[in-house]
């Protein structure tokens, strides 16, 4: 009977690996120097393209926090020969969508368009112009700068924003990840700052182009070169350096809100770390698995101290945070904090049980196909693989890497990355004693 069960488990594991194989990712270096990552998919007449640059908030110069975000926001608000209204109207006529984002490590610009020649060629022409010839119109700059300042001032009244700002500053007190935009830093920016940041950070040599959809390899090669050949040329930005781990601390910030906001964490994980899979599998049991996680059972179900509590790892180019977050009644903040710390300490000492580990694996492997069920989701994964230099077969081996994690590996990985002596705590709107 045991032999039969073992054979069944082996077959299930092998079938899972086959069923969850990722898309084929092709990679090359464009003549412009841009790195290109391509997934050919002709199932729908759709093309998704994303270009990532090392131009995230971590690259804001000292005293100019908010520059990366404002630069990215203005890319499609005026290009050579077209103002923002003309760009918007033309994309709407084509049924295409331009979008962008700024994270800590990277800034991105994305296009979704139909792949037919009459739509694709025109949409890509606009996309190329947004990347290569943004004008940063003075009147648009002043308008968006003012809007950003107003939004930042409003955020400073919200307990969640106050907690997040204090938390990142505590985790990275002397490092770029802890540098955050304020009304003062954004107000001090000038249009020339955006022009300079663009020319130094949006270069072909540090562009990562991700293409997914209804194109041939030859078409993808031509597209990537078209998009990047007119970008600024440069050797790239300076490396971020390595952050120092903070000493354990606790910060309490008064606020009139009825709900206290609690954050606990530390810098813990960078992209490509060999402990990535033990950490994400273990975190599912600790606080990432919703109602089946230990934190939810202990904090919410047994004691009713919070509606929700969760933990997660955010891997970055340098060590990104491990974070536990929850909200609770102001009067219960101390109790909730103690229970949360006790659960974390217990998990660090014991690791997950065999039952918890198996449940985590089943969920992570079982839900994996849903992460790749559309062009856009595939594009997001390909962009991460390309920008951070992960193996091209990363998605092929995801399920396999999850399945082989052991309790001992989880415990050892957490011991290496989540150390009590480096945990910082921020409580906003809680008791002040």
Protein backbone atom coordinates (compact mmCIF):
# COMPACT_ATOMS: atom_id res chain seq x y z
CA UNK A 1 0.00 0.00 0.00
CA UNK A 2 2.79 2.43 0.94
CA UNK A 3 4.58 1.63 -2.33
CA UNK A 4 1.37 2.32 -4.28
CA UNK A 5 0.91 5.65 -2.50
CA UNK A 6 4.52 6.61 -3.17
CA UNK A 7 4.16 5.80 -6.87
CA UNK A 8 0.95 7.82 -7.05
CA UNK A 9 2.64 10.79 -5.39
CA UNK A 10 5.56 10.56 -7.81
CA UNK A 11 3.23 10.46 -10.81
CA UNK A 12 1.31 13.46 -9.52
CA UNK A 13 4.53 15.38 -9.01
CA UNK A 14 5.79 14.56 -12.52
CA UNK A 15 2.46 15.40 -14.11
CA UNK A 16 2.39 18.70 -12.22
CA UNK A 17 5.80 19.59 -13.60
CA UNK A 18 4.64 18.81 -17.14
CA UNK A 19 1.31 20.63 -16.74
CA UNK A 20 2.90 23.73 -15.24
CA UNK A 21 5.75 24.14 -17.70
CA UNK A 22 6.18 27.81 -18.45
CA UNK A 23 6.13 29.49 -21.86
CA UNK A 24 9.23 29.34 -24.04
CA UNK A 25 11.19 32.56 -23.51
CA UNK A 26 13.62 33.59 -26.24
CA UNK A 27 16.35 36.09 -25.44
CA UNK A 28 18.77 38.20 -27.43
CA UNK A 29 20.65 41.49 -27.35
CA UNK A 30 19.33 44.09 -29.80
CA UNK A 31 21.83 46.11 -31.88
CA UNK A 32 20.92 49.09 -29.68
CA UNK A 33 22.23 47.21 -26.65
CA UNK A 34 18.79 46.53 -25.15
CA UNK A 35 18.07 43.11 -23.69
CA UNK A 36 15.04 41.47 -25.31
CA UNK A 37 12.80 38.68 -23.99
CA UNK A 38 10.15 37.22 -26.29
CA UNK A 39 7.28 34.74 -25.99
CA UNK A 40 5.59 33.90 -29.28
CA UNK A 41 1.85 33.26 -28.87
CA UNK A 42 -0.57 33.25 -31.80
CA UNK A 43 -3.67 32.13 -29.88
CA UNK A 44 -5.10 35.68 -29.93
CA UNK A 45 -4.45 38.67 -32.22
CA UNK A 46 -2.94 40.57 -29.28
CA UNK A 47 0.51 42.00 -28.69
CA UNK A 48 1.82 43.07 -25.27
CA UNK A 49 5.11 44.95 -24.96
CA UNK A 50 6.81 46.28 -21.85
CA UNK A 51 10.08 48.17 -21.52
CA UNK A 52 11.73 48.33 -18.09
CA UNK A 53 14.52 50.68 -17.04
CA UNK A 54 16.68 50.99 -13.93
CA UNK A 55 14.78 54.19 -13.19
CA UNK A 56 12.75 53.40 -10.09
CA UNK A 57 12.39 55.44 -6.92
CA UNK A 58 15.65 54.02 -5.52
CA UNK A 59 17.50 56.03 -8.16
CA UNK A 60 16.11 59.37 -6.99
CA UNK A 61 19.08 61.63 -6.18
CA UNK A 62 19.40 62.72 -2.55
CA UNK A 63 17.01 65.58 -1.85
CA UNK A 64 14.98 64.86 -5.00
CA UNK A 65 12.74 61.99 -3.88
CA UNK A 66 9.78 61.75 -6.21
CA UNK A 67 11.79 62.55 -9.33
CA UNK A 68 11.58 59.02 -10.79
CA UNK A 69 7.82 58.87 -10.39
CA UNK A 70 7.23 62.32 -11.90
CA UNK A 71 9.54 61.58 -14.83
CA UNK A 72 7.73 58.36 -15.67
CA UNK A 73 4.32 60.01 -15.31
CA UNK A 74 5.16 62.67 -17.90
CA UNK A 75 6.57 60.37 -20.58
CA UNK A 76 3.23 60.08 -22.42
CA UNK A 77 2.05 63.64 -21.76
CA UNK A 78 3.67 65.16 -24.80
CA UNK A 79 6.05 63.83 -27.45
CA UNK A 80 7.59 65.33 -30.54
CA UNK A 81 4.66 66.33 -32.76
CA UNK A 82 1.84 65.32 -30.38
CA UNK A 83 0.44 66.68 -27.12
CA UNK A 84 -1.12 64.53 -24.39
CA UNK A 85 -4.67 64.88 -25.77
CA UNK A 86 -3.61 63.84 -29.25
CA UNK A 87 -1.73 60.84 -27.86
CA UNK A 88 -4.73 59.75 -25.81
CA UNK A 89 -7.20 60.18 -28.67
CA UNK A 90 -5.01 58.37 -31.17
CA UNK A 91 -4.51 55.39 -28.85
CA UNK A 92 -8.26 55.24 -28.24
CA UNK A 93 -8.90 55.25 -31.99
CA UNK A 94 -6.52 52.31 -32.37
CA UNK A 95 -8.06 50.39 -29.48
CA UNK A 96 -4.62 50.31 -27.87
CA UNK A 97 -3.61 50.92 -24.26
CA UNK A 98 -0.53 52.70 -22.94
CA UNK A 99 0.35 52.28 -19.28
CA UNK A 100 3.30 52.69 -16.97
CA UNK A 101 4.50 52.09 -13.46
CA UNK A 102 7.27 53.03 -11.05
CA UNK A 103 8.59 50.67 -8.40
CA UNK A 104 11.69 50.91 -6.25
CA UNK A 105 14.05 49.26 -8.74
CA UNK A 106 12.44 49.92 -12.10
CA UNK A 107 10.21 52.15 -14.13
CA UNK A 108 8.20 50.69 -16.98
CA UNK A 109 6.14 51.66 -19.99
CA UNK A 110 3.75 49.13 -21.53
CA UNK A 111 1.64 48.80 -24.66
CA UNK A 112 -1.25 46.47 -25.46
CA UNK A 113 -2.47 46.51 -29.04
CA UNK A 114 -4.11 44.37 -31.67
CA UNK A 115 -1.49 42.59 -33.77
CA UNK A 116 -2.99 43.37 -37.18
CA UNK A 117 -0.72 45.57 -39.27
CA UNK A 118 -3.11 48.52 -39.42
CA UNK A 119 -3.34 48.72 -35.61
CA UNK A 120 0.04 47.42 -34.48
CA UNK A 121 2.28 49.62 -36.63
CA UNK A 122 0.52 52.86 -35.69
CA UNK A 123 0.39 51.99 -31.97
CA UNK A 124 4.08 51.08 -31.94
CA UNK A 125 4.97 54.38 -33.61
CA UNK A 126 3.35 56.25 -30.71
CA UNK A 127 4.94 53.91 -28.18
CA UNK A 128 8.37 54.56 -29.71
CA UNK A 129 7.80 58.30 -29.53
CA UNK A 130 6.79 58.10 -25.87
CA UNK A 131 10.01 56.23 -25.10
CA UNK A 132 12.37 58.23 -27.29
CA UNK A 133 11.07 61.79 -27.52
CA UNK A 134 9.17 62.85 -24.40
CA UNK A 135 8.95 66.65 -24.29
CA UNK A 136 8.09 67.20 -20.61
CA UNK A 137 6.02 70.32 -21.50
CA UNK A 138 6.56 73.04 -18.87
CA UNK A 139 2.86 73.62 -18.28
CA UNK A 140 2.25 69.87 -17.87
CA UNK A 141 5.20 69.57 -15.52
CA UNK A 142 3.88 72.36 -13.30
CA UNK A 143 0.39 70.86 -13.25
CA UNK A 144 1.54 67.33 -12.38
CA UNK A 145 4.02 68.61 -9.82
CA UNK A 146 1.22 70.51 -8.07
CA UNK A 147 -1.06 67.47 -8.17
CA UNK A 148 1.66 65.28 -6.69
CA UNK A 149 2.32 67.73 -3.86
CA UNK A 150 -1.40 67.84 -2.99
CA UNK A 151 -1.58 64.03 -3.01
CA UNK A 152 1.47 63.74 -0.76
CA UNK A 153 0.05 66.24 1.72
CA UNK A 154 -3.22 64.31 1.83
CA UNK A 155 -1.36 61.03 2.38
CA UNK A 156 0.37 62.50 5.43
CA UNK A 157 -3.04 62.63 7.16
CA UNK A 158 -3.77 58.91 6.69
CA UNK A 159 -2.54 56.41 9.30
CA UNK A 160 -1.72 53.76 6.72
CA UNK A 161 0.50 56.15 4.74
CA UNK A 162 2.15 57.46 7.90
CA UNK A 163 2.87 53.90 9.02
CA UNK A 164 4.33 52.89 5.66
CA UNK A 165 6.56 55.94 5.47
CA UNK A 166 7.92 55.41 8.98
CA UNK A 167 8.33 51.69 8.43
CA UNK A 168 10.46 52.01 5.29
CA UNK A 169 12.55 54.75 6.87
CA UNK A 170 13.19 52.50 9.88
CA UNK A 171 14.14 49.49 7.73
CA UNK A 172 16.43 51.50 5.44
CA UNK A 173 17.57 54.50 7.50
CA UNK A 174 20.58 55.33 5.31
CA UNK A 175 19.72 53.60 2.05
CA UNK A 176 17.91 54.44 -1.18
CA UNK A 177 14.94 52.14 -0.45
CA UNK A 178 14.08 54.26 2.58
CA UNK A 179 14.15 57.52 0.63
CA UNK A 180 10.58 58.71 0.07
CA UNK A 181 8.92 61.58 -1.71
CA UNK A 182 7.57 64.44 0.38
CA UNK A 183 5.78 67.68 -0.49
CA UNK A 184 9.08 69.48 0.05
CA UNK A 185 11.22 67.27 -2.20
CA UNK A 186 8.69 67.29 -5.03
CA UNK A 187 8.14 71.06 -4.74
CA UNK A 188 11.87 71.59 -5.17
CA UNK A 189 12.03 69.74 -8.51
CA UNK A 190 12.50 71.59 -11.76
CA UNK A 191 11.71 70.50 -15.28
CA UNK A 192 15.45 70.23 -15.99
CA UNK A 193 15.68 67.54 -13.29
CA UNK A 194 13.24 65.37 -15.27
CA UNK A 195 15.13 65.90 -18.51
CA UNK A 196 18.42 64.94 -16.84
CA UNK A 197 16.95 61.89 -15.07
CA UNK A 198 15.44 60.68 -18.34
CA UNK A 199 18.67 61.05 -20.29
CA UNK A 200 20.71 59.19 -17.66
CA UNK A 201 18.25 56.42 -16.76
CA UNK A 202 16.19 55.70 -19.87
CA UNK A 203 19.06 54.43 -21.98
CA UNK A 204 19.06 51.64 -24.52
CA UNK A 205 21.91 49.86 -22.76
CA UNK A 206 19.86 49.36 -19.60
CA UNK A 207 16.49 48.72 -21.23
CA UNK A 208 14.84 45.32 -20.83
CA UNK A 209 12.22 44.76 -23.52
CA UNK A 210 9.57 42.08 -22.91
CA UNK A 211 7.35 41.03 -25.84
CA UNK A 212 4.48 38.55 -25.61
CA UNK A 213 1.96 37.75 -28.30
CA UNK A 214 1.12 37.42 -31.96
CA UNK A 215 4.48 38.07 -33.62
CA UNK A 216 7.20 36.04 -35.28
CA UNK A 217 10.77 36.11 -33.99
CA UNK A 218 11.84 38.25 -36.95
CA UNK A 219 9.06 40.75 -36.28
CA UNK A 220 9.97 40.83 -32.57
CA UNK A 221 13.61 41.56 -33.40
CA UNK A 222 12.62 44.46 -35.64
CA UNK A 223 10.16 45.77 -33.04
CA UNK A 224 12.71 45.76 -30.21
CA UNK A 225 15.26 47.62 -32.31
CA UNK A 226 12.62 50.11 -33.46
CA UNK A 227 11.66 50.90 -29.86
CA UNK A 228 15.17 51.27 -28.49
CA UNK A 229 17.39 52.55 -31.30
CA UNK A 230 16.51 56.19 -30.58
CA UNK A 231 16.79 56.00 -26.81
CA UNK A 232 19.52 57.97 -25.04
CA UNK A 233 22.90 56.27 -25.06
CA UNK A 234 24.84 55.76 -21.86
CA UNK A 235 26.77 53.29 -19.78
CA UNK A 236 24.09 53.05 -17.11
CA UNK A 237 23.45 54.22 -13.60
CA UNK A 238 25.60 53.58 -10.55
CA UNK A 239 24.91 50.41 -8.58
CA UNK A 240 22.68 50.83 -5.54
CA UNK A 241 25.08 49.26 -3.07
CA UNK A 242 24.11 46.95 -0.23
CA UNK A 243 21.83 48.10 2.62
CA UNK A 244 22.81 47.55 6.23
CA UNK A 245 20.42 45.65 8.48
CA UNK A 246 18.79 47.91 11.08
CA UNK A 247 18.92 47.33 14.82
CA UNK A 248 15.65 46.19 16.35
CA UNK A 249 13.41 49.12 17.20
CA UNK A 250 9.83 50.09 18.00
CA UNK A 251 8.26 53.38 16.97
CA UNK A 252 4.83 54.58 18.13
CA UNK A 253 3.16 57.46 16.32
CA UNK A 254 0.08 59.15 17.72
CA UNK A 255 -2.97 59.54 15.48
CA UNK A 256 -6.69 60.12 16.17
CA UNK A 257 -7.81 57.13 14.04
CA UNK A 258 -9.88 54.46 15.80
CA UNK A 259 -7.87 51.67 14.17
CA UNK A 260 -4.22 51.14 14.99
CA UNK A 261 -1.88 50.18 12.14
CA UNK A 262 0.91 47.73 13.00
CA UNK A 263 3.89 46.87 10.81
CA UNK A 264 6.76 44.52 11.69
CA UNK A 265 9.64 43.56 9.42
CA UNK A 266 13.18 43.95 8.16
CA UNK A 267 15.22 43.84 4.93
CA UNK A 268 15.34 40.14 4.09
CA UNK A 269 15.42 38.92 0.48
CA UNK A 270 16.87 39.87 -2.90
CA UNK A 271 15.92 38.52 -6.30
CA UNK A 272 17.72 35.32 -7.24
CA UNK A 273 18.50 34.28 -3.66
CA UNK A 274 18.66 30.46 -3.37
CA UNK A 275 16.44 30.66 -0.27
CA UNK A 276 13.56 32.20 -2.26
CA UNK A 277 11.47 29.04 -2.51
CA UNK A 278 11.86 27.91 1.13
CA UNK A 279 10.90 31.42 2.20
CA UNK A 280 7.78 31.77 0.07
CA UNK A 281 6.62 28.25 0.89
CA UNK A 282 7.19 28.85 4.60
CA UNK A 283 5.54 32.26 4.49
CA UNK A 284 2.35 30.72 3.14
CA UNK A 285 2.06 28.83 6.43
CA UNK A 286 3.08 31.81 8.54
CA UNK A 287 0.95 34.60 7.13
CA UNK A 288 0.60 34.38 3.37
CA UNK A 289 -2.05 31.69 3.14
CA UNK A 290 -5.12 33.61 4.25
CA UNK A 291 -7.34 31.77 6.70
CA UNK A 292 -5.07 28.72 6.86
CA UNK A 293 -2.05 30.72 8.04
CA UNK A 294 -0.88 30.71 11.66
CA UNK A 295 -1.18 34.45 12.04
CA UNK A 296 -4.81 34.45 10.90
CA UNK A 297 -5.69 31.55 13.18
CA UNK A 298 -4.03 33.04 16.24
CA UNK A 299 -4.74 36.75 15.76
CA UNK A 300 -8.19 36.65 14.15
CA UNK A 301 -9.88 33.30 14.69
CA UNK A 302 -8.83 32.56 18.26
CA UNK A 303 -8.73 36.09 19.66
CA UNK A 304 -10.63 38.37 17.29
CA UNK A 305 -7.88 40.99 17.42
CA UNK A 306 -7.93 41.87 13.72
CA UNK A 307 -10.05 41.30 10.65
CA UNK A 308 -6.96 40.45 8.62
CA UNK A 309 -3.27 39.91 9.17
CA UNK A 310 -0.73 38.93 6.55
CA UNK A 311 2.97 38.52 5.93
CA UNK A 312 4.97 38.60 2.72
CA UNK A 313 8.43 38.86 1.20
CA UNK A 314 9.17 41.54 -1.41
CA UNK A 315 12.38 40.54 -3.17
CA UNK A 316 14.22 43.41 -4.85
CA UNK A 317 17.49 44.08 -6.65
CA UNK A 318 19.02 44.41 -3.18
CA UNK A 319 17.48 42.88 -0.06
CA UNK A 320 13.80 43.79 0.01
CA UNK A 321 11.55 43.56 3.04
CA UNK A 322 9.81 40.83 4.93
CA UNK A 323 6.70 42.43 6.40
CA UNK A 324 3.82 41.57 8.73
CA UNK A 325 0.91 43.98 8.71
CA UNK A 326 -2.45 44.29 10.46
CA UNK A 327 -5.01 46.75 11.76
CA UNK A 328 -6.80 46.48 15.09
CA UNK A 329 -8.75 48.54 17.59
CA UNK A 330 -6.56 51.08 19.31
CA UNK A 331 -7.28 49.50 22.69
CA UNK A 332 -6.17 46.06 21.40
CA UNK A 333 -2.95 47.14 19.71
CA UNK A 334 -0.61 45.92 22.45
CA UNK A 335 -2.33 42.53 22.67
CA UNK A 336 -2.29 42.13 18.88
CA UNK A 337 1.38 43.08 18.74
CA UNK A 338 2.31 40.55 21.43
CA UNK A 339 0.40 37.71 19.75
CA UNK A 340 1.92 38.53 16.37
CA UNK A 341 5.43 38.55 17.80
CA UNK A 342 4.79 35.28 19.65
CA UNK A 343 3.53 33.57 16.50
CA UNK A 344 6.56 34.75 14.54
CA UNK A 345 8.94 33.62 17.30
CA UNK A 346 7.26 30.21 17.40
CA UNK A 347 7.51 29.83 13.64
CA UNK A 348 11.18 30.80 13.67
CA UNK A 349 11.84 28.21 16.37
CA UNK A 350 9.77 25.37 14.92
CA UNK A 351 9.19 25.99 11.23
CA UNK A 352 5.97 24.73 9.64
CA UNK A 353 4.45 21.38 10.49
CA UNK A 354 4.43 18.66 7.85
CA UNK A 355 0.71 19.27 7.35
CA UNK A 356 1.21 23.02 6.93
CA UNK A 357 4.04 22.45 4.48
CA UNK A 358 1.97 20.12 2.33
CA UNK A 359 -0.96 22.55 2.27
CA UNK A 360 1.36 25.36 1.22
CA UNK A 361 2.82 23.31 -1.62
CA UNK A 362 -0.59 22.24 -2.87
CA UNK A 363 -1.83 25.81 -2.98
CA UNK A 364 1.27 27.32 -4.59
CA UNK A 365 1.56 24.59 -7.21
CA UNK A 366 -2.18 24.34 -7.82
CA UNK A 367 -2.63 28.07 -8.32
CA UNK A 368 0.44 28.45 -10.51
CA UNK A 369 -1.34 27.96 -13.88
CA UNK A 370 -3.64 30.89 -13.02
CA UNK A 371 -0.58 33.13 -12.94
CA UNK A 372 0.09 32.37 -16.61
CA UNK A 373 -3.42 32.27 -18.07
CA UNK A 374 -3.20 35.48 -20.10
CA UNK A 375 -0.71 37.36 -22.24
CA UNK A 376 -0.57 40.15 -19.70
CA UNK A 377 0.26 37.84 -16.80
CA UNK A 378 2.93 36.12 -18.87
CA UNK A 379 4.35 39.53 -19.75
CA UNK A 380 4.62 40.47 -16.06
CA UNK A 381 6.59 37.31 -15.31
CA UNK A 382 8.81 37.67 -18.35
CA UNK A 383 9.56 41.28 -17.38
CA UNK A 384 10.67 40.20 -13.90
CA UNK A 385 12.83 37.43 -15.34
CA UNK A 386 14.40 39.82 -17.84
CA UNK A 387 14.99 42.81 -15.60
CA UNK A 388 16.36 40.84 -12.65
CA UNK A 389 18.36 38.34 -14.69
CA UNK A 390 16.56 35.22 -13.52
CA UNK A 391 17.02 31.96 -15.47
CA UNK A 392 14.95 31.77 -18.66
CA UNK A 393 13.52 28.43 -17.48
CA UNK A 394 12.48 29.89 -14.11
CA UNK A 395 8.79 29.31 -14.80
CA UNK A 396 9.42 25.76 -16.06
CA UNK A 397 10.90 24.75 -12.71
CA UNK A 398 8.65 26.77 -10.40
CA UNK A 399 6.42 23.85 -9.36
CA UNK A 400 9.41 21.54 -9.01
CA UNK A 401 11.23 24.02 -6.79
CA UNK A 402 8.17 24.43 -4.58
CA UNK A 403 7.59 20.68 -4.28
CA UNK A 404 11.10 19.86 -3.12
CA UNK A 405 11.14 22.33 -0.18
CA UNK A 406 11.47 20.61 3.22
CA UNK A 407 10.58 21.70 6.74
CA UNK A 408 14.28 21.86 7.61
CA UNK A 409 14.97 24.13 4.62
CA UNK A 410 12.16 26.50 5.60
CA UNK A 411 13.40 26.71 9.17
CA UNK A 412 17.01 27.28 8.08
CA UNK A 413 16.05 29.91 5.49
CA UNK A 414 13.94 31.87 7.97
CA UNK A 415 16.78 31.71 10.49
CA UNK A 416 19.13 33.24 7.91
CA UNK A 417 16.79 35.98 6.70
CA UNK A 418 14.38 36.88 9.52
CA UNK A 419 16.41 37.72 12.61
CA UNK A 420 14.73 39.06 15.74
CA UNK A 421 17.63 41.43 16.44
CA UNK A 422 16.89 43.29 13.18
CA UNK A 423 13.09 43.51 13.31
CA UNK A 424 11.63 47.00 13.26
CA UNK A 425 8.11 47.75 14.51
CA UNK A 426 5.88 50.72 13.73
CA UNK A 427 2.55 51.34 15.48
CA UNK A 428 0.38 54.24 14.32
CA UNK A 429 -2.72 55.24 16.34
CA UNK A 430 -2.00 52.74 19.09
CA UNK A 431 -1.37 53.22 22.81
CA UNK A 432 1.66 55.40 23.42
CA UNK A 433 3.04 53.36 26.33
